Amino acid sequence: MAWVRLDDQTPRNIKILKAGPAACWLWVCGVAHSQSQLTDGFISLEALPMIGVPGVARARRLAEALVVAGLFEQAEGGYRVHDYLDHNPSRAAVLIKRAQ
């Protein structure tokens, strides 16, 4: 099991406040998904409605709210958690640590 680090000031972050509670839950789930699946912050369109917010249309609407707020970035085939690798270890780093 991996752990995800969240800043204790996350609930007060202006981007979080701008996105709203439902979108922020998707963001938290996106960070957790990225860590558990070692995607370096990438969330595919197929995975998006399966990681915490049911419904394809709703998940995409909330993901777009996260893009507007600056918490997700659009990427080919899905979304990327903004600055994910600034706060979480990369896939390569995790695999090296596991091998040790």
N, C-alpha and C. Protein backbone atom coordinates (compact mmCIF):
# COMPACT_ATOMS: atom_id res chain seq x y z
N MET A 1 0.84 -1.17 0.00
CA MET A 1 0.00 0.00 0.00
C MET A 1 0.89 1.23 0.00
N ALA A 2 0.54 2.18 -0.84
CA ALA A 2 1.27 3.44 -0.91
C ALA A 2 0.50 4.51 -0.14
N TRP A 3 1.19 5.56 0.17
CA TRP A 3 0.57 6.69 0.86
C TRP A 3 0.61 7.90 -0.05
N VAL A 4 -0.36 8.78 0.13
CA VAL A 4 -0.41 10.02 -0.63
C VAL A 4 -0.26 11.16 0.37
N ARG A 5 0.59 12.10 0.03
CA ARG A 5 0.79 13.26 0.89
C ARG A 5 -0.11 14.40 0.44
N LEU A 6 -0.85 14.95 1.39
CA LEU A 6 -1.64 16.15 1.13
C LEU A 6 -1.23 17.20 2.15
N ASP A 7 -1.02 18.40 1.71
CA ASP A 7 -0.68 19.51 2.59
C ASP A 7 -1.84 19.77 3.54
N ASP A 8 -1.54 20.04 4.80
CA ASP A 8 -2.61 20.29 5.76
C ASP A 8 -3.35 21.60 5.49
N GLN A 9 -2.84 22.40 4.56
CA GLN A 9 -3.52 23.63 4.16
C GLN A 9 -4.37 23.44 2.90
N THR A 10 -4.44 22.21 2.39
CA THR A 10 -5.21 21.94 1.18
C THR A 10 -6.64 22.47 1.25
N PRO A 11 -7.37 22.29 2.35
CA PRO A 11 -8.75 22.78 2.39
C PRO A 11 -8.88 24.31 2.25
N ARG A 12 -7.79 25.03 2.48
CA ARG A 12 -7.82 26.49 2.39
C ARG A 12 -7.20 27.01 1.10
N ASN A 13 -6.66 26.13 0.28
CA ASN A 13 -6.02 26.53 -0.97
C ASN A 13 -7.05 27.16 -1.91
N ILE A 14 -6.70 28.28 -2.50
CA ILE A 14 -7.64 29.02 -3.35
C ILE A 14 -8.11 28.17 -4.55
N LYS A 15 -7.23 27.33 -5.09
CA LYS A 15 -7.63 26.48 -6.21
C LYS A 15 -8.68 25.46 -5.76
N ILE A 16 -8.51 24.92 -4.58
CA ILE A 16 -9.47 23.96 -4.02
C ILE A 16 -10.80 24.64 -3.79
N LEU A 17 -10.76 25.81 -3.20
CA LEU A 17 -11.99 26.56 -2.93
C LEU A 17 -12.71 26.92 -4.23
N LYS A 18 -11.94 27.27 -5.24
CA LYS A 18 -12.52 27.64 -6.54
C LYS A 18 -13.20 26.44 -7.21
N ALA A 19 -12.60 25.26 -7.10
CA ALA A 19 -13.13 24.07 -7.78
C ALA A 19 -14.40 23.53 -7.12
N GLY A 20 -14.50 23.64 -5.82
CA GLY A 20 -15.68 23.13 -5.12
C GLY A 20 -15.48 21.72 -4.59
N PRO A 21 -16.34 21.29 -3.65
CA PRO A 21 -16.15 20.02 -2.95
C PRO A 21 -16.16 18.78 -3.83
N ALA A 22 -17.09 18.67 -4.76
CA ALA A 22 -17.18 17.46 -5.58
C ALA A 22 -15.95 17.33 -6.48
N ALA A 23 -15.55 18.43 -7.09
CA ALA A 23 -14.36 18.40 -7.95
C ALA A 23 -13.11 18.10 -7.12
N CYS A 24 -13.06 18.63 -5.92
CA CYS A 24 -11.89 18.39 -5.07
C CYS A 24 -11.81 16.93 -4.64
N TRP A 25 -12.95 16.29 -4.43
CA TRP A 25 -12.91 14.86 -4.13
C TRP A 25 -12.32 14.10 -5.33
N LEU A 26 -12.69 14.50 -6.53
CA LEU A 26 -12.11 13.88 -7.72
C LEU A 26 -10.61 14.13 -7.77
N TRP A 27 -10.17 15.31 -7.39
CA TRP A 27 -8.74 15.62 -7.35
C TRP A 27 -8.01 14.71 -6.36
N VAL A 28 -8.56 14.57 -5.15
CA VAL A 28 -7.95 13.68 -4.15
C VAL A 28 -7.89 12.25 -4.68
N CYS A 29 -8.98 11.79 -5.26
CA CYS A 29 -9.01 10.44 -5.84
C CYS A 29 -8.03 10.32 -7.00
N GLY A 30 -7.87 11.38 -7.77
CA GLY A 30 -6.91 11.38 -8.87
C GLY A 30 -5.48 11.27 -8.38
N VAL A 31 -5.17 11.97 -7.30
CA VAL A 31 -3.83 11.88 -6.71
C VAL A 31 -3.60 10.45 -6.20
N ALA A 32 -4.59 9.90 -5.50
CA ALA A 32 -4.47 8.54 -4.97
C ALA A 32 -4.33 7.52 -6.10
N HIS A 33 -5.13 7.66 -7.14
CA HIS A 33 -5.06 6.76 -8.29
C HIS A 33 -3.67 6.84 -8.92
N SER A 34 -3.17 8.05 -9.10
CA SER A 34 -1.86 8.24 -9.71
C SER A 34 -0.76 7.58 -8.90
N GLN A 35 -0.87 7.67 -7.58
CA GLN A 35 0.14 7.04 -6.73
C GLN A 35 0.02 5.52 -6.76
N SER A 36 -1.20 5.02 -6.62
CA SER A 36 -1.36 3.56 -6.55
C SER A 36 -1.05 2.87 -7.87
N GLN A 37 -1.32 3.54 -8.97
CA GLN A 37 -1.08 2.95 -10.29
C GLN A 37 0.23 3.40 -10.92
N LEU A 38 0.97 4.24 -10.21
CA LEU A 38 2.26 4.77 -10.67
C LEU A 38 2.17 5.41 -12.06
N THR A 39 1.22 6.33 -12.20
CA THR A 39 1.01 6.97 -13.50
C THR A 39 1.71 8.32 -13.63
N ASP A 40 2.45 8.72 -12.61
CA ASP A 40 3.11 10.03 -12.61
C ASP A 40 2.12 11.18 -12.78
N GLY A 41 0.93 11.00 -12.28
CA GLY A 41 -0.08 12.06 -12.30
C GLY A 41 -1.07 11.98 -13.43
N PHE A 42 -0.92 11.01 -14.32
CA PHE A 42 -1.84 10.89 -15.46
C PHE A 42 -3.07 10.08 -15.07
N ILE A 43 -4.24 10.58 -15.51
CA ILE A 43 -5.51 9.88 -15.29
C ILE A 43 -6.17 9.74 -16.66
N SER A 44 -6.33 8.53 -17.11
CA SER A 44 -6.92 8.30 -18.43
C SER A 44 -8.42 8.61 -18.41
N LEU A 45 -8.96 8.90 -19.58
CA LEU A 45 -10.40 9.14 -19.69
C LEU A 45 -11.20 7.91 -19.24
N GLU A 46 -10.65 6.73 -19.47
CA GLU A 46 -11.34 5.50 -19.06
C GLU A 46 -11.35 5.35 -17.54
N ALA A 47 -10.28 5.74 -16.89
CA ALA A 47 -10.18 5.61 -15.43
C ALA A 47 -10.97 6.70 -14.71
N LEU A 48 -11.09 7.85 -15.32
CA LEU A 48 -11.68 9.03 -14.65
C LEU A 48 -12.99 8.75 -13.92
N PRO A 49 -14.00 8.14 -14.56
CA PRO A 49 -15.26 7.93 -13.85
C PRO A 49 -15.23 6.73 -12.88
N MET A 50 -14.09 6.09 -12.75
CA MET A 50 -13.99 4.91 -11.89
C MET A 50 -13.24 5.20 -10.59
N ILE A 51 -12.78 6.42 -10.40
CA ILE A 51 -11.89 6.69 -9.27
C ILE A 51 -12.50 7.57 -8.18
N GLY A 52 -13.80 7.65 -8.11
CA GLY A 52 -14.38 8.39 -7.00
C GLY A 52 -15.63 9.17 -7.32
N VAL A 53 -15.88 9.41 -8.59
CA VAL A 53 -17.06 10.16 -9.00
C VAL A 53 -17.75 9.36 -10.10
N PRO A 54 -18.89 8.78 -9.81
CA PRO A 54 -19.56 7.95 -10.82
C PRO A 54 -20.16 8.78 -11.96
N GLY A 55 -20.18 8.17 -13.12
CA GLY A 55 -20.79 8.80 -14.29
C GLY A 55 -19.77 9.50 -15.15
N VAL A 56 -19.72 9.12 -16.39
CA VAL A 56 -18.74 9.68 -17.33
C VAL A 56 -18.92 11.19 -17.48
N ALA A 57 -20.15 11.62 -17.74
CA ALA A 57 -20.40 13.05 -17.96
C ALA A 57 -20.07 13.87 -16.72
N ARG A 58 -20.47 13.39 -15.56
CA ARG A 58 -20.19 14.13 -14.32
C ARG A 58 -18.69 14.18 -14.04
N ALA A 59 -18.01 13.06 -14.21
CA ALA A 59 -16.57 13.03 -13.97
C ALA A 59 -15.84 13.99 -14.90
N ARG A 60 -16.24 14.03 -16.16
CA ARG A 60 -15.58 14.95 -17.10
C ARG A 60 -15.89 16.40 -16.76
N ARG A 61 -17.11 16.68 -16.36
CA ARG A 61 -17.49 18.05 -15.98
C ARG A 61 -16.64 18.51 -14.78
N LEU A 62 -16.50 17.62 -13.79
CA LEU A 62 -15.70 17.97 -12.62
C LEU A 62 -14.22 18.07 -12.97
N ALA A 63 -13.73 17.22 -13.85
CA ALA A 63 -12.34 17.31 -14.29
C ALA A 63 -12.09 18.64 -14.99
N GLU A 64 -13.04 19.08 -15.78
CA GLU A 64 -12.89 20.39 -16.45
C GLU A 64 -12.88 21.52 -15.43
N ALA A 65 -13.67 21.40 -14.36
CA ALA A 65 -13.63 22.40 -13.29
C ALA A 65 -12.24 22.42 -12.64
N LEU A 66 -11.62 21.25 -12.53
CA LEU A 66 -10.27 21.17 -11.97
C LEU A 66 -9.25 21.79 -12.92
N VAL A 67 -9.47 21.67 -14.22
CA VAL A 67 -8.59 22.31 -15.20
C VAL A 67 -8.71 23.83 -15.04
N VAL A 68 -9.93 24.33 -14.98
CA VAL A 68 -10.15 25.78 -14.83
C VAL A 68 -9.51 26.29 -13.54
N ALA A 69 -9.59 25.51 -12.48
CA ALA A 69 -9.01 25.90 -11.19
C ALA A 69 -7.49 25.75 -11.14
N GLY A 70 -6.92 25.04 -12.10
CA GLY A 70 -5.47 24.85 -12.13
C GLY A 70 -4.98 23.63 -11.36
N LEU A 71 -5.89 22.69 -11.08
CA LEU A 71 -5.52 21.48 -10.34
C LEU A 71 -5.29 20.27 -11.25
N PHE A 72 -5.90 20.26 -12.41
CA PHE A 72 -5.69 19.25 -13.44
C PHE A 72 -5.22 19.98 -14.69
N GLU A 73 -4.53 19.27 -15.55
CA GLU A 73 -4.17 19.77 -16.88
C GLU A 73 -4.71 18.79 -17.90
N GLN A 74 -5.17 19.29 -19.02
CA GLN A 74 -5.60 18.40 -20.08
C GLN A 74 -4.37 17.72 -20.66
N ALA A 75 -4.51 16.45 -20.97
CA ALA A 75 -3.42 15.67 -21.56
C ALA A 75 -4.04 14.75 -22.62
N GLU A 76 -3.22 14.32 -23.55
CA GLU A 76 -3.73 13.41 -24.57
C GLU A 76 -4.26 12.15 -23.91
N GLY A 77 -5.54 11.86 -24.13
CA GLY A 77 -6.16 10.66 -23.58
C GLY A 77 -6.63 10.79 -22.15
N GLY A 78 -6.58 12.00 -21.58
CA GLY A 78 -7.04 12.16 -20.21
C GLY A 78 -6.61 13.47 -19.59
N TYR A 79 -6.23 13.37 -18.34
CA TYR A 79 -5.84 14.55 -17.56
C TYR A 79 -4.57 14.23 -16.79
N ARG A 80 -3.89 15.27 -16.36
CA ARG A 80 -2.70 15.13 -15.52
C ARG A 80 -2.90 16.01 -14.29
N VAL A 81 -2.57 15.47 -13.12
CA VAL A 81 -2.64 16.24 -11.89
C VAL A 81 -1.53 17.29 -11.94
N HIS A 82 -1.92 18.55 -11.83
CA HIS A 82 -0.96 19.65 -11.91
C HIS A 82 0.11 19.51 -10.81
N ASP A 83 1.37 19.61 -11.19
CA ASP A 83 2.51 19.55 -10.28
C ASP A 83 2.59 18.25 -9.47
N TYR A 84 2.02 17.18 -9.98
CA TYR A 84 2.04 15.91 -9.24
C TYR A 84 3.45 15.51 -8.82
N LEU A 85 4.39 15.57 -9.75
CA LEU A 85 5.74 15.10 -9.46
C LEU A 85 6.53 16.07 -8.57
N ASP A 86 6.00 17.26 -8.33
CA ASP A 86 6.63 18.17 -7.38
C ASP A 86 6.37 17.73 -5.93
N HIS A 87 5.35 16.92 -5.73
CA HIS A 87 4.93 16.55 -4.38
C HIS A 87 4.88 15.05 -4.13
N ASN A 88 5.06 14.25 -5.17
CA ASN A 88 4.97 12.79 -5.06
C ASN A 88 6.12 12.15 -5.82
N PRO A 89 6.56 10.99 -5.37
CA PRO A 89 7.65 10.32 -6.08
C PRO A 89 7.20 9.81 -7.45
N SER A 90 8.13 9.79 -8.37
CA SER A 90 7.84 9.29 -9.72
C SER A 90 7.73 7.77 -9.71
N ARG A 91 7.18 7.24 -10.79
CA ARG A 91 7.12 5.79 -10.97
C ARG A 91 8.51 5.18 -10.85
N ALA A 92 9.48 5.80 -11.52
CA ALA A 92 10.85 5.29 -11.50
C ALA A 92 11.40 5.24 -10.08
N ALA A 93 11.20 6.30 -9.32
CA ALA A 93 11.70 6.36 -7.94
C ALA A 93 11.05 5.29 -7.07
N VAL A 94 9.75 5.08 -7.25
CA VAL A 94 9.04 4.07 -6.46
C VAL A 94 9.56 2.68 -6.81
N LEU A 95 9.76 2.41 -8.09
CA LEU A 95 10.24 1.08 -8.50
C LEU A 95 11.65 0.82 -7.99
N ILE A 96 12.50 1.84 -7.99
CA ILE A 96 13.85 1.68 -7.45
C ILE A 96 13.78 1.38 -5.96
N LYS A 97 12.95 2.11 -5.23
CA LYS A 97 12.83 1.89 -3.80
C LYS A 97 12.29 0.49 -3.51
N ARG A 98 11.31 0.05 -4.29
CA ARG A 98 10.77 -1.30 -4.10
C ARG A 98 11.82 -2.37 -4.35
N ALA A 99 12.66 -2.15 -5.34
CA ALA A 99 13.69 -3.12 -5.69
C ALA A 99 14.75 -3.23 -4.60
N GLN A 100 14.98 -2.16 -3.89
CA GLN A 100 15.98 -2.15 -2.81
C GLN A 100 15.46 -2.93 -1.64
